Amino acid sequence: MVALGLACVALVALLFGMPLLAPLFAWGFPDVEPPIFGFQSFPELFLSHAAIVATSSLASTIAALVLGIFVTSAMGRDFRAMLGAIATIGQTFPPVAVLAIAVPMLGYGERPTFVALALYGFLPIVANVIAGIENVPEAVREAARGMGLTPWQILRRVELPLAAPVILAGVRISVVINIGTATIGSTVGAVTLGTPIIDGLVADKLPYVIEGAMVVALFAVVTDMAFERLDRYLRLRANV
């Protein structure tokens, strides 16, 4: 908990204190003026970046839960292989290619980035939803049926709680990957932490690339640590 708190403090300090690092970047890169990316504030970039990641990850999670539950049920078991194939194709399809296809239909900005992240983050979650539900011991299901629970009650009270740590692991992987992947959204006009990175690459200003990368990396670390804490809690609840 202490490590997570320190990481959060470091992230906030970096977001709001980036201008204070100007002398350091000016010393390291004397030819770059200004030394700190200043077209948009880092808190603004962070909030926009976090919003895109959160909404796309939420969409991926909802779709993965619905489809994962369906293909592990008796009536949807025949579609399991098809869903796995579709999810694998979506994962291997480069997000940049998705952006290239989506931009003519959706325009520039956040919408094509949302689509690319939602598709890219779907596979890790749906794979873990299926694995988590299928790994629930059959003896536990039989006991629940013996208590008179309906299939819906078994899913809600038994299968999903027991599968929650495995499902959360998939969500954790998906979200952390999308935090880094979302930076490419700036290539199509989305406001993300990739904006200083892309601008730095285009204008040959390495400090901007470093500044954006520092914030993205720390954001990913904080998010991963938060998921780790939640995972511990769910596992403790599952063992009670």
Protein backbone atom coordinates (compact mmCIF):
# COMPACT_ATOMS: atom_id res chain seq x y z
CA MET A 1 0.00 0.00 0.00
CA VAL A 2 2.88 2.35 0.82
CA ALA A 3 4.51 1.68 -2.55
CA LEU A 4 1.26 2.43 -4.38
CA GLY A 5 0.82 5.66 -2.43
CA LEU A 6 4.36 6.77 -3.22
CA ALA A 7 3.88 5.96 -6.89
CA CYS A 8 0.66 8.01 -6.99
CA VAL A 9 2.41 10.95 -5.31
CA ALA A 10 5.26 10.69 -7.82
CA LEU A 11 2.80 10.69 -10.73
CA VAL A 12 0.93 13.74 -9.45
CA ALA A 13 4.21 15.53 -8.74
CA LEU A 14 5.44 14.79 -12.25
CA LEU A 15 2.21 15.95 -13.87
CA PHE A 16 2.04 19.27 -12.03
CA GLY A 17 5.75 19.78 -11.46
CA MET A 18 7.04 19.18 -14.98
CA PRO A 19 7.82 22.90 -15.50
CA LEU A 20 10.14 22.70 -12.47
CA LEU A 21 12.31 20.27 -14.44
CA ALA A 22 12.95 22.91 -17.11
CA PRO A 23 16.48 23.75 -15.82
CA LEU A 24 17.41 20.05 -15.90
CA PHE A 25 16.17 19.55 -19.47
CA ALA A 26 17.70 22.90 -20.54
CA TRP A 27 21.06 21.71 -19.20
CA GLY A 28 20.79 18.32 -20.86
CA PHE A 29 19.40 19.65 -24.16
CA PRO A 30 20.65 23.23 -24.57
CA ASP A 31 19.58 23.38 -28.23
CA VAL A 32 15.89 22.74 -27.49
CA GLU A 33 13.68 25.74 -26.79
CA PRO A 34 11.47 25.58 -24.79
CA PRO A 35 12.85 22.59 -22.87
CA ILE A 36 9.40 21.53 -21.54
CA PHE A 37 6.48 20.64 -23.82
CA GLY A 38 4.07 23.52 -23.40
CA PHE A 39 1.40 23.35 -26.07
CA GLN A 40 -0.92 21.60 -23.59
CA SER A 41 -0.54 20.97 -19.87
CA PHE A 42 0.43 17.49 -18.75
CA PRO A 43 -2.58 17.20 -16.36
CA GLU A 44 -4.85 17.93 -19.35
CA LEU A 45 -3.07 15.35 -21.49
CA PHE A 46 -3.21 12.82 -18.65
CA LEU A 47 -6.96 13.24 -18.09
CA SER A 48 -7.73 12.88 -21.79
CA HIS A 49 -5.43 9.85 -22.05
CA ALA A 50 -6.97 8.21 -18.96
CA ALA A 51 -10.49 8.83 -20.26
CA ILE A 52 -9.76 7.12 -23.59
CA VAL A 53 -8.13 4.15 -21.87
CA ALA A 54 -10.93 3.85 -19.29
CA THR A 55 -13.81 4.00 -21.76
CA SER A 56 -12.22 1.62 -24.27
CA SER A 57 -11.25 -0.82 -21.51
CA LEU A 58 -14.77 -0.68 -20.09
CA ALA A 59 -16.21 -1.48 -23.53
CA SER A 60 -13.77 -4.38 -23.94
CA THR A 61 -14.59 -5.72 -20.48
CA ILE A 62 -18.36 -5.59 -20.97
CA ALA A 63 -18.14 -7.26 -24.40
CA ALA A 64 -15.73 -9.90 -23.09
CA LEU A 65 -17.94 -10.70 -20.09
CA VAL A 66 -21.10 -11.02 -22.18
CA LEU A 67 -19.51 -13.14 -24.89
CA GLY A 68 -17.34 -15.14 -22.48
CA ILE A 69 -20.34 -16.07 -20.34
CA PHE A 70 -22.32 -16.95 -23.46
CA VAL A 71 -19.74 -19.34 -24.96
CA THR A 72 -19.23 -21.10 -21.62
CA SER A 73 -22.95 -21.73 -21.27
CA ALA A 74 -24.68 -24.81 -22.66
CA MET A 75 -26.36 -22.97 -25.54
CA GLY A 76 -23.27 -21.05 -26.62
CA ARG A 77 -20.57 -23.70 -26.33
CA ASP A 78 -20.56 -24.31 -30.10
CA PHE A 79 -19.46 -20.70 -30.68
CA ARG A 80 -16.40 -20.93 -28.39
CA ALA A 81 -13.89 -21.70 -31.16
CA MET A 82 -15.30 -18.95 -33.37
CA LEU A 83 -15.02 -16.37 -30.61
CA GLY A 84 -11.44 -17.41 -29.90
CA ALA A 85 -10.51 -17.05 -33.57
CA ILE A 86 -12.12 -13.62 -33.87
CA ALA A 87 -10.45 -12.39 -30.67
CA THR A 88 -7.06 -13.64 -31.83
CA ILE A 89 -7.41 -11.85 -35.16
CA GLY A 90 -8.37 -8.66 -33.35
CA GLN A 91 -5.30 -8.92 -31.11
CA THR A 92 -2.85 -9.58 -33.95
CA PHE A 93 -4.28 -6.79 -36.12
CA PRO A 94 -2.00 -3.77 -35.45
CA PRO A 95 -3.74 -0.80 -33.77
CA VAL A 96 -2.15 1.48 -36.36
CA ALA A 97 -3.93 -0.47 -39.09
CA VAL A 98 -7.22 -0.16 -37.20
CA LEU A 99 -6.69 3.59 -37.00
CA ALA A 100 -5.99 3.76 -40.73
CA ILE A 101 -9.27 1.96 -41.45
CA ALA A 102 -11.33 3.79 -38.83
CA VAL A 103 -10.27 7.35 -39.62
CA PRO A 104 -12.07 7.57 -43.01
CA MET A 105 -15.27 6.34 -41.34
CA LEU A 106 -15.07 8.06 -37.95
CA GLY A 107 -12.87 11.05 -38.65
CA TYR A 108 -9.86 12.23 -36.67
CA GLY A 109 -9.72 12.40 -32.88
CA GLU A 110 -10.71 10.13 -30.02
CA ARG A 111 -13.26 7.90 -31.78
CA PRO A 112 -10.87 5.89 -33.99
CA THR A 113 -8.50 5.60 -31.04
CA PHE A 114 -11.34 4.24 -28.90
CA VAL A 115 -12.16 1.60 -31.53
CA ALA A 116 -8.53 0.52 -31.88
CA LEU A 117 -8.01 0.20 -28.11
CA ALA A 118 -11.32 -1.60 -27.55
CA LEU A 119 -10.49 -4.20 -30.20
CA TYR A 120 -6.89 -4.59 -29.06
CA GLY A 121 -7.83 -5.01 -25.41
CA PHE A 122 -10.60 -7.55 -25.99
CA LEU A 123 -8.57 -10.78 -26.31
CA PRO A 124 -6.78 -10.80 -22.92
CA ILE A 125 -10.06 -10.23 -21.13
CA VAL A 126 -12.26 -12.70 -23.00
CA ALA A 127 -9.58 -15.41 -22.76
CA ASN A 128 -9.47 -15.00 -18.99
CA VAL A 129 -13.25 -14.85 -18.67
CA ILE A 130 -13.51 -18.22 -20.42
CA ALA A 131 -10.60 -19.72 -18.47
CA GLY A 132 -11.89 -18.41 -15.14
CA ILE A 133 -15.41 -19.78 -15.56
CA GLU A 134 -14.28 -23.12 -17.00
CA ASN A 135 -11.81 -23.65 -14.15
CA VAL A 136 -14.50 -23.45 -11.47
CA PRO A 137 -14.56 -26.97 -9.94
CA GLU A 138 -17.51 -29.05 -11.12
CA ALA A 139 -18.04 -30.22 -7.56
CA VAL A 140 -18.80 -26.63 -6.57
CA ARG A 141 -21.40 -26.35 -9.31
CA GLU A 142 -22.97 -29.66 -8.27
CA ALA A 143 -23.18 -28.44 -4.69
CA ALA A 144 -24.87 -25.23 -5.87
CA ARG A 145 -27.37 -27.21 -7.92
CA GLY A 146 -28.04 -29.40 -4.93
CA MET A 147 -28.93 -26.27 -2.97
CA GLY A 148 -31.56 -25.47 -5.59
CA LEU A 149 -29.80 -22.57 -7.29
CA THR A 150 -30.80 -21.75 -10.85
CA PRO A 151 -28.13 -21.49 -13.62
CA TRP A 152 -28.26 -17.68 -13.38
CA GLN A 153 -27.81 -17.81 -9.59
CA ILE A 154 -24.91 -20.25 -9.97
CA LEU A 155 -23.24 -17.87 -12.42
CA ARG A 156 -23.78 -14.80 -10.26
CA ARG A 157 -23.11 -16.29 -6.83
CA VAL A 158 -20.60 -19.04 -7.56
CA GLU A 159 -18.85 -18.94 -10.93
CA LEU A 160 -18.18 -15.21 -11.33
CA PRO A 161 -16.93 -14.68 -7.74
CA LEU A 162 -14.56 -17.64 -8.04
CA ALA A 163 -13.44 -16.58 -11.51
CA ALA A 164 -13.02 -12.91 -10.54
CA PRO A 165 -9.24 -13.05 -9.84
CA VAL A 166 -8.58 -14.68 -13.23
CA ILE A 167 -10.86 -12.22 -15.03
CA LEU A 168 -9.21 -9.31 -13.25
CA ALA A 169 -5.80 -10.54 -14.41
CA GLY A 170 -7.02 -10.26 -18.01
CA VAL A 171 -8.41 -6.77 -17.42
CA ARG A 172 -5.13 -5.78 -15.77
CA ILE A 173 -3.08 -6.90 -18.78
CA SER A 174 -5.48 -5.23 -21.21
CA VAL A 175 -5.54 -1.88 -19.40
CA VAL A 176 -1.77 -1.68 -18.89
CA ILE A 177 -1.15 -2.51 -22.56
CA ASN A 178 -3.71 0.09 -23.65
CA ILE A 179 -2.07 2.79 -21.55
CA GLY A 180 0.99 2.48 -23.75
CA THR A 181 -0.89 1.80 -26.97
CA ALA A 182 -3.13 4.86 -26.54
CA THR A 183 -0.18 7.11 -27.30
CA ILE A 184 -0.50 6.29 -31.01
CA GLY A 185 -3.91 7.98 -30.95
CA SER A 186 -2.10 11.30 -31.17
CA THR A 187 -1.13 10.44 -34.73
CA VAL A 188 -4.79 10.85 -35.71
CA GLY A 189 -5.54 13.91 -33.61
CA ALA A 190 -6.50 12.40 -30.25
CA VAL A 191 -5.28 14.31 -27.21
CA THR A 192 -3.17 11.84 -25.23
CA LEU A 193 0.17 11.61 -23.51
CA GLY A 194 1.46 10.57 -26.91
CA THR A 195 1.08 14.17 -28.10
CA PRO A 196 4.45 15.36 -26.73
CA ILE A 197 6.04 12.10 -27.94
CA ILE A 198 4.75 12.52 -31.50
CA ASP A 199 5.52 16.24 -31.56
CA GLY A 200 9.00 15.55 -30.23
CA LEU A 201 9.66 12.97 -32.93
CA VAL A 202 8.35 15.24 -35.69
CA ALA A 203 10.22 18.33 -34.51
CA ASP A 204 13.35 16.40 -33.45
CA LYS A 205 12.93 17.51 -29.83
CA LEU A 206 14.03 14.57 -27.68
CA PRO A 207 13.05 16.20 -24.32
CA TYR A 208 9.37 16.13 -25.36
CA VAL A 209 9.63 12.41 -26.12
CA ILE A 210 11.26 11.74 -22.74
CA GLU A 211 8.69 13.81 -20.86
CA GLY A 212 5.73 12.04 -22.45
CA ALA A 213 7.32 8.62 -22.01
CA MET A 214 8.07 9.29 -18.32
CA VAL A 215 4.44 10.11 -17.56
CA VAL A 216 3.08 7.16 -19.58
CA ALA A 217 5.46 4.74 -17.88
CA LEU A 218 4.61 5.98 -14.39
CA PHE A 219 0.89 5.91 -15.21
CA ALA A 220 1.22 2.26 -16.28
CA VAL A 221 3.16 1.40 -13.10
CA VAL A 222 0.57 3.04 -10.83
CA THR A 223 -2.28 1.30 -12.64
CA ASP A 224 -0.57 -2.09 -12.45
CA MET A 225 0.07 -1.66 -8.73
CA ALA A 226 -3.56 -0.68 -8.15
CA PHE A 227 -4.75 -3.81 -9.95
CA GLU A 228 -2.34 -5.89 -7.89
CA ARG A 229 -3.91 -4.57 -4.69
CA LEU A 230 -7.40 -5.32 -6.02
CA ASP A 231 -6.28 -8.82 -7.04
CA ARG A 232 -5.05 -9.55 -3.53
CA TYR A 233 -8.37 -8.40 -2.11
CA LEU A 234 -10.40 -10.59 -4.45
CA ARG A 235 -8.23 -13.63 -3.74
CA LEU A 236 -8.65 -13.11 -0.02
CA ARG A 237 -12.41 -12.87 -0.48
CA ALA A 238 -12.43 -16.03 -2.61
CA ASN A 239 -10.59 -17.96 0.11
CA VAL A 240 -12.91 -16.85 2.92
